[in-house]
Amino acid sequence: MPKNPDAEKNNPCLKEQDLVHKCLNQNNYDNSQCELYFTNYKNCKDFWYRVQRDRRAQGKYPYLPEVADREHIKQQYMKTKVSG
């Protein structure tokens, strides 16, 4: 459980971020050992940025979907390859 109760609400990539930190800790902060985790985190951030941008353009609020809705949005995107 995150120390900050709003951490997951404000950061849809919290799990990926935590995995990056865990990898760095386990590999004595050797970035080259964690490239896959960095890439996954970047992809996550890029995805949710596009979702926010699309929702803003469509007039949907909040721009970052609620935590409960995120899994559905990811699944919908995987089917249609369209975010938001």
Protein backbone atom coordinates (compact mmCIF):
# COMPACT_ATOMS: atom_id res chain seq x y z
CA MET A 1 0.00 0.00 0.00
CA PRO A 2 1.43 3.37 -0.96
CA LYS A 3 2.25 5.76 1.84
CA ASN A 4 0.35 8.51 0.05
CA PRO A 5 -3.29 7.46 -0.36
CA ASP A 6 -3.61 9.58 -3.52
CA ALA A 7 -0.46 8.18 -5.11
CA GLU A 8 -2.30 5.67 -7.30
CA LYS A 9 -5.01 8.20 -8.13
CA ASN A 10 -2.45 10.73 -9.34
CA ASN A 11 0.00 8.29 -10.93
CA PRO A 12 -1.49 5.57 -13.14
CA CYS A 13 2.02 4.15 -13.58
CA LEU A 14 2.77 3.74 -9.89
CA LYS A 15 3.28 -0.02 -10.23
CA GLU A 16 5.75 0.45 -13.10
CA GLN A 17 7.55 3.18 -11.16
CA ASP A 18 7.86 0.93 -8.14
CA LEU A 19 9.27 -1.86 -10.32
CA VAL A 20 11.93 0.53 -11.68
CA HIS A 21 12.95 1.48 -8.13
CA LYS A 22 13.00 -2.14 -7.03
CA CYS A 23 15.18 -3.13 -9.99
CA LEU A 24 17.59 -0.28 -9.33
CA ASN A 25 17.85 -1.24 -5.66
CA GLN A 26 18.50 -4.87 -6.53
CA ASN A 27 21.14 -3.98 -9.14
CA ASN A 28 23.11 -1.40 -7.19
CA TYR A 29 21.63 1.42 -9.30
CA ASP A 30 23.07 0.07 -12.56
CA ASN A 31 20.62 1.56 -15.07
CA SER A 32 21.68 -0.85 -17.80
CA GLN A 33 20.25 -3.75 -15.78
CA CYS A 34 16.81 -2.10 -15.67
CA GLU A 35 16.30 -0.94 -19.25
CA LEU A 36 13.21 -3.10 -19.72
CA TYR A 37 11.61 -1.57 -16.62
CA PHE A 38 12.47 1.95 -17.80
CA THR A 39 10.94 1.23 -21.21
CA ASN A 40 7.80 -0.21 -19.67
CA TYR A 41 7.46 2.82 -17.38
CA LYS A 42 7.95 5.21 -20.31
CA ASN A 43 5.34 3.35 -22.38
CA CYS A 44 2.91 3.54 -19.48
CA LYS A 45 3.46 7.28 -19.05
CA ASP A 46 3.09 7.85 -22.81
CA PHE A 47 -0.15 5.85 -22.90
CA TRP A 48 -1.78 7.72 -20.03
CA TYR A 49 -0.60 11.06 -21.40
CA ARG A 50 -2.41 10.25 -24.68
CA VAL A 51 -5.51 9.21 -22.75
CA GLN A 52 -5.50 12.50 -20.84
CA ARG A 53 -4.93 14.52 -24.01
CA ASP A 54 -7.76 12.72 -25.83
CA ARG A 55 -10.16 13.09 -22.90
CA ARG A 56 -9.36 16.79 -22.63
CA ALA A 57 -10.02 17.24 -26.37
CA GLN A 58 -13.33 15.38 -26.00
CA GLY A 59 -14.37 17.52 -23.02
CA LYS A 60 -14.31 14.56 -20.63
CA TYR A 61 -13.45 15.22 -17.01
CA PRO A 62 -11.47 14.21 -15.08
CA TYR A 63 -8.77 14.09 -17.73
CA LEU A 64 -7.07 11.24 -15.92
CA PRO A 65 -9.73 8.55 -15.45
CA GLU A 66 -10.63 7.31 -12.00
CA VAL A 67 -8.61 4.32 -10.75
CA ALA A 68 -11.63 2.02 -11.06
CA ASP A 69 -12.07 2.89 -14.76
CA ARG A 70 -8.45 2.50 -15.87
CA GLU A 71 -8.41 -1.24 -16.43
CA HIS A 72 -11.47 -0.98 -18.67
CA ILE A 73 -9.85 1.84 -20.66
CA LYS A 74 -6.67 -0.21 -21.13
CA GLN A 75 -8.68 -3.22 -22.31
CA GLN A 76 -10.72 -1.05 -24.67
CA TYR A 77 -7.54 0.42 -26.11
CA MET A 78 -6.07 -3.04 -26.67
CA LYS A 79 -9.16 -4.00 -28.68
CA THR A 80 -9.44 -0.81 -30.73
CA LYS A 81 -5.95 0.71 -30.42
CA VAL A 82 -7.71 4.00 -29.61
CA SER A 83 -7.04 5.63 -26.24
CA GLY A 84 -9.53 7.49 -24.07
